[in-house]
Amino acid sequence: MRLTAVVRTRIAVLAVAASAALSAAAPATAAPSLQLTKGATEVVLYASFVDALGSLGVTPGNVLPGSLIPTTTSAKVAFPIPTGELDASGPKVEILHSGGLTLTAGDTRVALTSFIIENLNGNLRLTGVVKANDTIVGRIPLFRVVLTQAPEVVPTSGGAAHLSIKGARLSLTDAAAQALNGVFGVTAFKQGFPIGVAKVNATVRDLDG
């Protein structure tokens, strides 16, 4: 099926406004919302972060269906995207993820799950549910997100489009640092500590147009 004129126009308008929608750096022109239907976010962890965990005796792991793959110098993690919303008229974005990351030291295990990348309050960030030894601590902002490249929304066949975000730098928030320090009984986690570089690839569709 070829893209209809309406869907083609909606996606083209959103592509122009996508950078503003994600960075909240400038007002966006009026544009419709699109829904994320599938995809994944991948984060290449900085070696300094992995080394810092090792020095504390903390071992990272994954919560399915997320994955953690060791590399020659560090590791990378990936989390599926089941759904989300991209609305340039706000500008607003919300990208939901399944799976998560675990941090284990001795008998203490912290799970960071249900990640959401969003700027619904005008601040681009990644939040997640924090669990300590299977007890939910709460949802907190985990990482500050800084874009280094403009996002792209490119029309594809079948009435869909492809969202691509590259070079998004993640750093630890103060709330996350305090939570991790409290759980592990250390003072090593600090606000602003660099975590890694993320990229997002997802299919988006106009499902409510």
N, C-alpha and C. Protein backbone atom coordinates (compact mmCIF):
# COMPACT_ATOMS: atom_id res chain seq x y z
N MET A 1 0.84 -1.19 0.00
CA MET A 1 0.00 0.00 0.00
C MET A 1 0.88 1.25 0.00
N ARG A 2 0.56 2.21 -0.88
CA ARG A 2 1.34 3.44 -0.94
C ARG A 2 0.86 4.40 0.14
N LEU A 3 1.74 5.28 0.57
CA LEU A 3 1.36 6.31 1.54
C LEU A 3 0.27 7.19 0.94
N THR A 4 -0.76 7.46 1.72
CA THR A 4 -1.77 8.40 1.27
C THR A 4 -1.22 9.81 1.37
N ALA A 5 -1.86 10.73 0.66
CA ALA A 5 -1.39 12.11 0.68
C ALA A 5 -1.45 12.70 2.07
N VAL A 6 -2.50 12.33 2.84
CA VAL A 6 -2.65 12.87 4.19
C VAL A 6 -1.52 12.38 5.09
N VAL A 7 -1.27 11.07 5.09
CA VAL A 7 -0.22 10.51 5.94
C VAL A 7 1.13 11.04 5.53
N ARG A 8 1.37 11.14 4.20
CA ARG A 8 2.65 11.65 3.72
C ARG A 8 2.88 13.07 4.23
N THR A 9 1.85 13.90 4.19
CA THR A 9 1.98 15.28 4.65
C THR A 9 2.22 15.34 6.15
N ARG A 10 1.50 14.52 6.92
CA ARG A 10 1.65 14.52 8.38
C ARG A 10 3.06 14.11 8.76
N ILE A 11 3.59 13.08 8.12
CA ILE A 11 4.94 12.62 8.44
C ILE A 11 5.98 13.65 8.03
N ALA A 12 5.78 14.29 6.88
CA ALA A 12 6.74 15.29 6.42
C ALA A 12 6.80 16.47 7.38
N VAL A 13 5.63 16.93 7.87
CA VAL A 13 5.60 18.03 8.83
C VAL A 13 6.29 17.65 10.12
N LEU A 14 6.04 16.42 10.59
CA LEU A 14 6.65 15.97 11.83
C LEU A 14 8.15 15.83 11.68
N ALA A 15 8.63 15.43 10.51
CA ALA A 15 10.06 15.29 10.29
C ALA A 15 10.77 16.63 10.46
N VAL A 16 10.14 17.70 9.97
CA VAL A 16 10.73 19.03 10.10
C VAL A 16 10.80 19.46 11.55
N ALA A 17 9.77 19.09 12.35
CA ALA A 17 9.68 19.56 13.73
C ALA A 17 10.27 18.59 14.74
N ALA A 18 10.77 17.43 14.33
CA ALA A 18 11.18 16.39 15.27
C ALA A 18 12.33 16.84 16.17
N SER A 19 13.29 17.58 15.62
CA SER A 19 14.42 18.01 16.43
C SER A 19 13.97 18.88 17.59
N ALA A 20 13.07 19.83 17.31
CA ALA A 20 12.54 20.68 18.37
C ALA A 20 11.73 19.87 19.37
N ALA A 21 11.02 18.88 18.88
CA ALA A 21 10.19 18.07 19.77
C ALA A 21 11.02 17.32 20.79
N LEU A 22 12.19 16.88 20.39
CA LEU A 22 13.01 16.08 21.29
C LEU A 22 13.94 16.92 22.14
N SER A 23 14.43 18.02 21.62
CA SER A 23 15.38 18.82 22.39
C SER A 23 14.71 19.93 23.17
N ALA A 24 13.48 20.29 22.79
CA ALA A 24 12.74 21.39 23.43
C ALA A 24 13.56 22.67 23.41
N ALA A 25 14.39 22.83 22.36
CA ALA A 25 15.27 23.98 22.29
C ALA A 25 14.62 25.16 21.58
N ALA A 26 13.54 24.89 20.81
CA ALA A 26 12.90 25.98 20.07
C ALA A 26 11.44 25.65 19.87
N PRO A 27 10.60 26.67 19.66
CA PRO A 27 9.18 26.39 19.42
C PRO A 27 9.00 25.56 18.16
N ALA A 28 8.04 24.64 18.18
CA ALA A 28 7.78 23.79 17.02
C ALA A 28 6.57 24.32 16.26
N THR A 29 6.57 24.07 14.95
CA THR A 29 5.40 24.40 14.18
C THR A 29 4.31 23.37 14.46
N ALA A 30 3.06 23.73 14.17
CA ALA A 30 1.96 22.81 14.44
C ALA A 30 2.13 21.54 13.64
N ALA A 31 1.98 20.40 14.29
CA ALA A 31 2.16 19.10 13.63
C ALA A 31 1.41 18.06 14.42
N PRO A 32 0.99 16.98 13.76
CA PRO A 32 0.24 15.94 14.45
C PRO A 32 1.16 15.03 15.24
N SER A 33 0.55 14.17 16.05
CA SER A 33 1.32 13.18 16.78
C SER A 33 1.38 11.89 15.99
N LEU A 34 2.46 11.15 16.18
CA LEU A 34 2.63 9.82 15.61
C LEU A 34 2.89 8.85 16.73
N GLN A 35 2.58 7.58 16.51
CA GLN A 35 2.78 6.55 17.53
C GLN A 35 3.96 5.66 17.17
N LEU A 36 4.81 5.39 18.15
CA LEU A 36 5.88 4.42 17.97
C LEU A 36 5.29 3.02 18.11
N THR A 37 5.60 2.13 17.17
CA THR A 37 5.00 0.80 17.19
C THR A 37 6.02 -0.31 17.46
N LYS A 38 7.28 -0.08 17.17
CA LYS A 38 8.32 -1.06 17.49
C LYS A 38 9.67 -0.42 17.27
N GLY A 39 10.69 -1.02 17.86
CA GLY A 39 12.05 -0.51 17.71
C GLY A 39 12.90 -0.88 18.90
N ALA A 40 14.00 -0.16 19.09
CA ALA A 40 14.91 -0.45 20.20
C ALA A 40 15.80 0.76 20.46
N THR A 41 16.20 0.89 21.72
CA THR A 41 17.23 1.86 22.11
C THR A 41 18.46 1.09 22.54
N GLU A 42 19.60 1.46 21.99
CA GLU A 42 20.87 0.81 22.31
C GLU A 42 21.81 1.83 22.96
N VAL A 43 22.46 1.44 24.04
CA VAL A 43 23.38 2.33 24.74
C VAL A 43 24.75 1.67 24.81
N VAL A 44 25.76 2.34 24.26
CA VAL A 44 27.13 1.89 24.43
C VAL A 44 27.67 2.53 25.70
N LEU A 45 27.92 1.71 26.71
CA LEU A 45 28.36 2.23 28.00
C LEU A 45 29.81 2.69 27.92
N TYR A 46 30.09 3.81 28.57
CA TYR A 46 31.47 4.28 28.64
C TYR A 46 32.31 3.31 29.47
N ALA A 47 33.56 3.12 29.05
CA ALA A 47 34.47 2.24 29.81
C ALA A 47 34.66 2.76 31.23
N SER A 48 34.64 4.09 31.40
CA SER A 48 34.82 4.68 32.72
C SER A 48 33.70 4.27 33.66
N PHE A 49 32.47 4.16 33.13
CA PHE A 49 31.33 3.74 33.95
C PHE A 49 31.46 2.27 34.34
N VAL A 50 31.78 1.43 33.37
CA VAL A 50 31.94 0.00 33.64
C VAL A 50 33.09 -0.23 34.63
N ASP A 51 34.18 0.51 34.46
CA ASP A 51 35.33 0.38 35.38
C ASP A 51 34.95 0.83 36.78
N ALA A 52 34.15 1.91 36.87
CA ALA A 52 33.72 2.40 38.18
C ALA A 52 32.87 1.36 38.89
N LEU A 53 31.98 0.69 38.15
CA LEU A 53 31.19 -0.38 38.75
C LEU A 53 32.09 -1.50 39.25
N GLY A 54 33.08 -1.88 38.45
CA GLY A 54 34.00 -2.94 38.85
C GLY A 54 34.77 -2.60 40.11
N SER A 55 35.19 -1.34 40.23
CA SER A 55 35.95 -0.93 41.41
C SER A 55 35.10 -0.99 42.68
N LEU A 56 33.78 -0.91 42.52
CA LEU A 56 32.87 -1.00 43.66
C LEU A 56 32.38 -2.42 43.90
N GLY A 57 32.82 -3.35 43.07
CA GLY A 57 32.37 -4.73 43.20
C GLY A 57 30.95 -4.92 42.70
N VAL A 58 30.50 -4.03 41.79
CA VAL A 58 29.14 -4.08 41.25
C VAL A 58 29.18 -4.71 39.85
N THR A 59 28.37 -5.72 39.64
CA THR A 59 28.32 -6.41 38.35
C THR A 59 27.02 -6.06 37.63
N PRO A 60 27.11 -5.55 36.38
CA PRO A 60 25.89 -5.25 35.64
C PRO A 60 25.30 -6.50 34.99
N GLY A 61 24.00 -6.50 34.82
CA GLY A 61 23.31 -7.59 34.14
C GLY A 61 22.09 -7.04 33.43
N ASN A 62 21.32 -7.90 32.81
CA ASN A 62 20.16 -7.44 32.05
C ASN A 62 18.87 -8.07 32.56
N VAL A 63 17.78 -7.33 32.36
CA VAL A 63 16.44 -7.83 32.62
C VAL A 63 15.79 -8.07 31.26
N LEU A 64 15.36 -9.29 30.99
CA LEU A 64 14.76 -9.63 29.71
C LEU A 64 13.47 -8.84 29.48
N PRO A 65 13.16 -8.47 28.26
CA PRO A 65 13.86 -8.81 27.02
C PRO A 65 15.01 -7.88 26.66
N GLY A 66 15.49 -7.10 27.60
CA GLY A 66 16.68 -6.30 27.36
C GLY A 66 17.91 -7.19 27.26
N SER A 67 18.97 -6.65 26.70
CA SER A 67 20.19 -7.44 26.54
C SER A 67 21.41 -6.63 26.97
N LEU A 68 22.45 -7.33 27.40
CA LEU A 68 23.73 -6.74 27.75
C LEU A 68 24.81 -7.56 27.06
N ILE A 69 25.61 -6.89 26.22
CA ILE A 69 26.63 -7.58 25.43
C ILE A 69 27.99 -6.97 25.74
N PRO A 70 28.93 -7.76 26.30
CA PRO A 70 30.28 -7.26 26.54
C PRO A 70 30.98 -6.91 25.23
N THR A 71 31.79 -5.86 25.25
CA THR A 71 32.61 -5.50 24.10
C THR A 71 34.08 -5.58 24.51
N THR A 72 34.98 -5.30 23.60
CA THR A 72 36.41 -5.41 23.91
C THR A 72 36.84 -4.38 24.96
N THR A 73 36.15 -3.25 25.01
CA THR A 73 36.54 -2.20 25.96
C THR A 73 35.49 -1.90 27.02
N SER A 74 34.24 -2.31 26.78
CA SER A 74 33.17 -1.94 27.71
C SER A 74 32.00 -2.92 27.56
N ALA A 75 30.80 -2.38 27.32
CA ALA A 75 29.61 -3.20 27.11
C ALA A 75 28.55 -2.32 26.47
N LYS A 76 27.57 -2.96 25.84
CA LYS A 76 26.43 -2.22 25.32
C LYS A 76 25.16 -2.92 25.75
N VAL A 77 24.12 -2.13 25.96
CA VAL A 77 22.82 -2.65 26.37
C VAL A 77 21.78 -2.22 25.36
N ALA A 78 20.73 -3.01 25.22
CA ALA A 78 19.66 -2.69 24.28
C ALA A 78 18.32 -3.04 24.90
N PHE A 79 17.33 -2.19 24.63
CA PHE A 79 16.00 -2.37 25.21
C PHE A 79 14.93 -2.16 24.13
N PRO A 80 14.02 -3.13 23.95
CA PRO A 80 12.97 -3.00 22.95
C PRO A 80 12.03 -1.84 23.24
N ILE A 81 11.49 -1.25 22.17
CA ILE A 81 10.50 -0.18 22.26
C ILE A 81 9.16 -0.74 21.80
N PRO A 82 8.21 -0.96 22.70
CA PRO A 82 6.91 -1.49 22.29
C PRO A 82 5.93 -0.40 21.83
N THR A 83 6.10 0.82 22.34
CA THR A 83 5.15 1.88 22.00
C THR A 83 5.72 3.24 22.41
N GLY A 84 4.99 4.29 22.10
CA GLY A 84 5.40 5.64 22.44
C GLY A 84 4.61 6.66 21.64
N GLU A 85 4.86 7.93 21.92
CA GLU A 85 4.18 9.03 21.24
C GLU A 85 5.19 10.11 20.86
N LEU A 86 5.02 10.67 19.66
CA LEU A 86 5.87 11.75 19.19
C LEU A 86 4.96 12.85 18.68
N ASP A 87 4.96 14.00 19.34
CA ASP A 87 4.03 15.09 19.04
C ASP A 87 4.82 16.39 18.94
N ALA A 88 4.98 16.89 17.72
CA ALA A 88 5.79 18.08 17.51
C ALA A 88 5.06 19.37 17.87
N SER A 89 3.75 19.33 18.05
CA SER A 89 3.00 20.56 18.32
C SER A 89 3.20 21.03 19.75
N GLY A 90 3.70 20.15 20.64
CA GLY A 90 3.89 20.48 22.05
C GLY A 90 5.05 21.38 22.36
N PRO A 91 6.31 21.03 22.07
CA PRO A 91 6.69 19.71 21.55
C PRO A 91 6.77 18.68 22.67
N LYS A 92 6.37 17.44 22.38
CA LYS A 92 6.37 16.40 23.40
C LYS A 92 6.81 15.07 22.80
N VAL A 93 7.46 14.25 23.63
CA VAL A 93 7.83 12.91 23.20
C VAL A 93 7.79 11.99 24.40
N GLU A 94 7.40 10.73 24.16
CA GLU A 94 7.45 9.71 25.19
C GLU A 94 7.77 8.38 24.50
N ILE A 95 8.89 7.78 24.86
CA ILE A 95 9.33 6.52 24.27
C ILE A 95 9.43 5.49 25.38
N LEU A 96 8.58 4.47 25.33
CA LEU A 96 8.55 3.44 26.36
C LEU A 96 9.44 2.25 25.98
N HIS A 97 10.03 1.61 27.00
CA HIS A 97 10.92 0.47 26.78
C HIS A 97 10.53 -0.70 27.68
N SER A 98 10.84 -1.90 27.20
CA SER A 98 10.72 -3.09 28.04
C SER A 98 12.12 -3.60 28.37
N GLY A 99 12.19 -4.48 29.40
CA GLY A 99 13.50 -4.95 29.84
C GLY A 99 14.15 -3.96 30.79
N GLY A 100 15.40 -4.19 31.11
CA GLY A 100 16.09 -3.30 32.03
C GLY A 100 17.51 -3.73 32.32
N LEU A 101 18.10 -3.10 33.33
CA LEU A 101 19.49 -3.30 33.72
C LEU A 101 19.54 -3.64 35.20
N THR A 102 20.40 -4.58 35.58
CA THR A 102 20.60 -4.90 36.99
C THR A 102 22.02 -4.54 37.42
N LEU A 103 22.16 -4.17 38.69
CA LEU A 103 23.45 -3.88 39.31
C LEU A 103 23.51 -4.69 40.60
N THR A 104 24.46 -5.62 40.68
CA THR A 104 24.52 -6.54 41.80
C THR A 104 25.86 -6.46 42.52
N ALA A 105 25.80 -6.37 43.85
CA ALA A 105 27.00 -6.40 44.68
C ALA A 105 26.68 -7.22 45.92
N GLY A 106 27.28 -8.40 46.04
CA GLY A 106 26.99 -9.28 47.16
C GLY A 106 25.54 -9.70 47.17
N ASP A 107 24.86 -9.45 48.29
CA ASP A 107 23.45 -9.80 48.42
C ASP A 107 22.51 -8.69 47.97
N THR A 108 23.08 -7.59 47.47
CA THR A 108 22.27 -6.45 47.07
C THR A 108 22.13 -6.42 45.55
N ARG A 109 20.89 -6.36 45.10
CA ARG A 109 20.62 -6.33 43.66
C ARG A 109 19.64 -5.21 43.36
N VAL A 110 20.08 -4.29 42.51
CA VAL A 110 19.23 -3.18 42.07
C VAL A 110 18.82 -3.44 40.63
N ALA A 111 17.53 -3.32 40.35
CA ALA A 111 17.02 -3.47 38.99
C ALA A 111 16.46 -2.13 38.52
N LEU A 112 16.89 -1.69 37.36
CA LEU A 112 16.39 -0.48 36.72
C LEU A 112 15.60 -0.91 35.50
N THR A 113 14.28 -0.69 35.51
CA THR A 113 13.42 -1.23 34.46
C THR A 113 12.41 -0.19 33.97
N SER A 114 11.65 -0.60 32.94
CA SER A 114 10.54 0.23 32.41
C SER A 114 11.00 1.64 32.08
N PHE A 115 12.09 1.74 31.31
CA PHE A 115 12.64 3.03 30.95
C PHE A 115 11.68 3.83 30.07
N ILE A 116 11.63 5.14 30.32
CA ILE A 116 10.86 6.05 29.49
C ILE A 116 11.74 7.26 29.16
N ILE A 117 11.93 7.52 27.86
CA ILE A 117 12.57 8.75 27.42
C ILE A 117 11.44 9.74 27.15
N GLU A 118 11.48 10.90 27.81
CA GLU A 118 10.37 11.85 27.65
C GLU A 118 10.80 13.27 27.95
N ASN A 119 10.04 14.19 27.38
CA ASN A 119 10.20 15.60 27.72
C ASN A 119 8.83 16.24 27.92
N LEU A 120 7.91 15.48 28.54
CA LEU A 120 6.55 15.97 28.74
C LEU A 120 6.52 17.21 29.63
N ASN A 121 7.57 17.39 30.45
CA ASN A 121 7.62 18.59 31.30
C ASN A 121 8.66 19.58 30.78
N GLY A 122 9.08 19.40 29.53
CA GLY A 122 10.04 20.31 28.93
C GLY A 122 11.49 19.98 29.19
N ASN A 123 11.75 18.88 29.93
CA ASN A 123 13.12 18.49 30.25
C ASN A 123 13.38 17.10 29.72
N LEU A 124 14.26 16.99 28.71
CA LEU A 124 14.54 15.70 28.10
C LEU A 124 15.32 14.83 29.08
N ARG A 125 14.76 13.67 29.41
CA ARG A 125 15.38 12.82 30.40
C ARG A 125 14.94 11.37 30.20
N LEU A 126 15.60 10.47 30.89
CA LEU A 126 15.23 9.07 30.89
C LEU A 126 14.89 8.67 32.32
N THR A 127 13.64 8.26 32.55
CA THR A 127 13.23 7.81 33.87
C THR A 127 13.14 6.29 33.89
N GLY A 128 13.10 5.71 35.07
CA GLY A 128 12.98 4.27 35.19
C GLY A 128 12.47 3.88 36.57
N VAL A 129 11.94 2.67 36.66
CA VAL A 129 11.51 2.12 37.95
C VAL A 129 12.73 1.48 38.62
N VAL A 130 12.98 1.87 39.86
CA VAL A 130 14.10 1.34 40.62
C VAL A 130 13.59 0.33 41.63
N LYS A 131 14.16 -0.88 41.60
CA LYS A 131 13.82 -1.91 42.57
C LYS A 131 15.08 -2.35 43.30
N ALA A 132 15.01 -2.46 44.62
CA ALA A 132 16.12 -2.95 45.43
C ALA A 132 15.72 -4.29 46.03
N ASN A 133 16.42 -5.36 45.63
CA ASN A 133 16.09 -6.71 46.10
C ASN A 133 14.60 -6.99 45.94
N ASP A 134 14.09 -6.68 44.74
CA ASP A 134 12.70 -6.96 44.33
C ASP A 134 11.66 -6.09 45.04
N THR A 135 12.09 -5.06 45.76
CA THR A 135 11.16 -4.11 46.37
C THR A 135 11.21 -2.81 45.57
N ILE A 136 10.05 -2.34 45.12
CA ILE A 136 10.00 -1.15 44.29
C ILE A 136 10.30 0.09 45.14
N VAL A 137 11.33 0.82 44.74
CA VAL A 137 11.67 2.08 45.38
C VAL A 137 10.82 3.20 44.80
N GLY A 138 10.63 3.18 43.48
CA GLY A 138 9.82 4.18 42.81
C GLY A 138 10.35 4.48 41.42
N ARG A 139 9.62 5.31 40.67
CA ARG A 139 10.10 5.78 39.38
C ARG A 139 10.82 7.11 39.59
N ILE A 140 12.05 7.19 39.11
CA ILE A 140 12.85 8.39 39.28
C ILE A 140 13.56 8.73 37.97
N PRO A 141 13.95 9.99 37.80
CA PRO A 141 14.80 10.34 36.65
C PRO A 141 16.18 9.74 36.83
N LEU A 142 16.58 8.87 35.92
CA LEU A 142 17.86 8.18 36.03
C LEU A 142 18.98 8.91 35.31
N PHE A 143 18.70 9.32 34.07
CA PHE A 143 19.75 9.89 33.24
C PHE A 143 19.29 11.18 32.57
N ARG A 144 20.17 12.16 32.56
CA ARG A 144 19.96 13.35 31.73
C ARG A 144 20.36 12.99 30.31
N VAL A 145 19.57 13.45 29.35
CA VAL A 145 19.82 13.13 27.94
C VAL A 145 20.20 14.41 27.20
N VAL A 146 21.35 14.40 26.53
CA VAL A 146 21.80 15.54 25.74
C VAL A 146 21.99 15.08 24.30
N LEU A 147 21.26 15.72 23.37
CA LEU A 147 21.37 15.36 21.96
C LEU A 147 22.59 16.03 21.34
N THR A 148 23.29 15.27 20.49
CA THR A 148 24.42 15.82 19.74
C THR A 148 24.13 15.88 18.25
N GLN A 149 23.04 15.24 17.82
CA GLN A 149 22.62 15.26 16.42
C GLN A 149 21.11 15.45 16.36
N ALA A 150 20.66 16.09 15.31
CA ALA A 150 19.22 16.29 15.13
C ALA A 150 18.55 14.96 14.82
N PRO A 151 17.43 14.64 15.48
CA PRO A 151 16.69 13.42 15.16
C PRO A 151 16.15 13.48 13.73
N GLU A 152 15.92 12.30 13.16
CA GLU A 152 15.38 12.22 11.80
C GLU A 152 14.11 11.38 11.80
N VAL A 153 13.12 11.82 11.07
CA VAL A 153 11.92 11.03 10.81
C VAL A 153 11.79 10.92 9.30
N VAL A 154 11.99 9.71 8.78
CA VAL A 154 12.03 9.49 7.34
C VAL A 154 10.85 8.61 6.92
N PRO A 155 10.00 9.06 5.99
CA PRO A 155 8.89 8.24 5.52
C PRO A 155 9.38 6.94 4.89
N THR A 156 8.65 5.84 5.14
CA THR A 156 8.94 4.56 4.53
C THR A 156 7.66 4.05 3.88
N SER A 157 7.67 2.82 3.40
CA SER A 157 6.51 2.27 2.72
C SER A 157 5.44 1.83 3.71
N GLY A 158 4.24 1.63 3.21
CA GLY A 158 3.16 1.09 4.03
C GLY A 158 2.57 2.05 5.02
N GLY A 159 2.72 3.36 4.83
CA GLY A 159 2.13 4.33 5.73
C GLY A 159 2.89 4.53 7.02
N ALA A 160 4.14 4.11 7.06
CA ALA A 160 4.96 4.25 8.28
C ALA A 160 6.11 5.21 8.03
N ALA A 161 6.89 5.43 9.08
CA ALA A 161 8.10 6.23 8.98
C ALA A 161 9.12 5.67 9.96
N HIS A 162 10.36 6.09 9.79
CA HIS A 162 11.44 5.59 10.65
C HIS A 162 12.01 6.74 11.46
N LEU A 163 12.01 6.60 12.78
CA LEU A 163 12.60 7.58 13.70
C LEU A 163 14.01 7.14 14.06
N SER A 164 14.97 8.03 13.88
CA SER A 164 16.36 7.74 14.21
C SER A 164 16.93 8.86 15.07
N ILE A 165 17.48 8.48 16.22
CA ILE A 165 18.18 9.41 17.10
C ILE A 165 19.55 8.83 17.37
N LYS A 166 20.59 9.57 17.08
CA LYS A 166 21.96 9.08 17.27
C LYS A 166 22.74 10.03 18.17
N GLY A 167 23.74 9.49 18.85
CA GLY A 167 24.65 10.33 19.62
C GLY A 167 24.05 11.00 20.83
N ALA A 168 23.03 10.39 21.46
CA ALA A 168 22.41 10.97 22.66
C ALA A 168 23.25 10.59 23.88
N ARG A 169 23.81 11.57 24.55
CA ARG A 169 24.70 11.31 25.68
C ARG A 169 23.92 11.24 26.98
N LEU A 170 24.17 10.18 27.74
CA LEU A 170 23.48 9.98 29.01
C LEU A 170 24.42 10.23 30.18
N SER A 171 23.94 10.94 31.18
CA SER A 171 24.70 11.16 32.41
C SER A 171 23.79 10.96 33.61
N LEU A 172 24.36 10.60 34.73
CA LEU A 172 23.60 10.26 35.93
C LEU A 172 22.95 11.49 36.54
N THR A 173 21.69 11.36 36.95
CA THR A 173 21.01 12.45 37.65
C THR A 173 21.34 12.40 39.14
N ASP A 174 21.04 13.50 39.83
CA ASP A 174 21.27 13.53 41.27
C ASP A 174 20.39 12.52 41.99
N ALA A 175 19.12 12.40 41.54
CA ALA A 175 18.21 11.45 42.17
C ALA A 175 18.71 10.02 42.04
N ALA A 176 19.22 9.67 40.86
CA ALA A 176 19.75 8.32 40.65
C ALA A 176 21.00 8.08 41.48
N ALA A 177 21.88 9.10 41.54
CA ALA A 177 23.11 8.96 42.33
C ALA A 177 22.79 8.73 43.80
N GLN A 178 21.83 9.49 44.33
CA GLN A 178 21.46 9.32 45.73
C GLN A 178 20.85 7.94 45.99
N ALA A 179 20.01 7.49 45.05
CA ALA A 179 19.38 6.18 45.22
C ALA A 179 20.41 5.06 45.22
N LEU A 180 21.35 5.10 44.28
CA LEU A 180 22.37 4.05 44.19
C LEU A 180 23.32 4.10 45.39
N ASN A 181 23.71 5.30 45.79
CA ASN A 181 24.57 5.42 46.97
C ASN A 181 23.87 4.85 48.21
N GLY A 182 22.57 5.14 48.33
CA GLY A 182 21.83 4.65 49.49
C GLY A 182 21.69 3.15 49.51
N VAL A 183 21.42 2.55 48.37
CA VAL A 183 21.22 1.10 48.30
C VAL A 183 22.52 0.35 48.55
N PHE A 184 23.61 0.83 47.93
CA PHE A 184 24.89 0.12 48.04
C PHE A 184 25.74 0.60 49.21
N GLY A 185 25.30 1.65 49.91
CA GLY A 185 26.06 2.13 51.05
C GLY A 185 27.39 2.74 50.69
N VAL A 186 27.43 3.50 49.57
CA VAL A 186 28.66 4.14 49.11
C VAL A 186 28.39 5.62 48.85
N THR A 187 29.44 6.33 48.45
CA THR A 187 29.29 7.74 48.07
C THR A 187 29.88 8.00 46.69
N ALA A 188 30.15 6.93 45.95
CA ALA A 188 30.88 7.03 44.68
C ALA A 188 30.05 7.56 43.53
N PHE A 189 28.72 7.37 43.57
CA PHE A 189 27.88 7.81 42.46
C PHE A 189 27.58 9.30 42.59
N LYS A 190 27.89 10.05 41.52
CA LYS A 190 27.74 11.50 41.53
C LYS A 190 26.88 11.97 40.37
N GLN A 191 26.17 13.06 40.60
CA GLN A 191 25.40 13.69 39.52
C GLN A 191 26.34 14.09 38.39
N GLY A 192 25.90 13.81 37.15
CA GLY A 192 26.69 14.19 35.99
C GLY A 192 27.68 13.15 35.53
N PHE A 193 27.81 12.04 36.28
CA PHE A 193 28.77 11.01 35.87
C PHE A 193 28.32 10.46 34.51
N PRO A 194 29.24 10.43 33.52
CA PRO A 194 28.86 9.97 32.18
C PRO A 194 28.58 8.47 32.15
N ILE A 195 27.46 8.09 31.53
CA ILE A 195 27.02 6.69 31.47
C ILE A 195 27.30 6.06 30.12
N GLY A 196 26.94 6.73 29.04
CA GLY A 196 27.14 6.15 27.72
C GLY A 196 26.47 6.98 26.64
N VAL A 197 26.49 6.44 25.42
CA VAL A 197 25.90 7.11 24.27
C VAL A 197 24.79 6.23 23.71
N ALA A 198 23.61 6.81 23.55
CA ALA A 198 22.43 6.05 23.11
C ALA A 198 22.05 6.38 21.68
N LYS A 199 21.44 5.38 21.04
CA LYS A 199 20.80 5.61 19.75
C LYS A 199 19.44 4.92 19.76
N VAL A 200 18.47 5.58 19.13
CA VAL A 200 17.10 5.08 19.07
C VAL A 200 16.72 4.84 17.63
N ASN A 201 16.16 3.67 17.36
CA ASN A 201 15.61 3.35 16.05
C ASN A 201 14.22 2.78 16.24
N ALA A 202 13.23 3.40 15.61
CA ALA A 202 11.85 2.96 15.84
C ALA A 202 10.99 3.23 14.63
N THR A 203 9.96 2.42 14.47
CA THR A 203 8.94 2.63 13.45
C THR A 203 7.82 3.47 14.04
N VAL A 204 7.40 4.49 13.31
CA VAL A 204 6.31 5.35 13.78
C VAL A 204 5.19 5.34 12.74
N ARG A 205 3.95 5.42 13.22
CA ARG A 205 2.79 5.42 12.34
C ARG A 205 1.76 6.44 12.82
N ASP A 206 0.96 6.92 11.91
CA ASP A 206 -0.16 7.78 12.25
C ASP A 206 -1.37 6.88 12.49
N LEU A 207 -1.61 6.52 13.75
CA LEU A 207 -2.67 5.57 14.07
C LEU A 207 -3.97 6.22 14.48
N ASP A 208 -3.94 7.53 14.74
CA ASP A 208 -5.17 8.18 15.17
C ASP A 208 -5.58 9.33 14.25
N GLY A 209 -5.02 9.30 13.04
CA GLY A 209 -5.34 10.38 12.09
C GLY A 209 -6.62 10.08 11.32
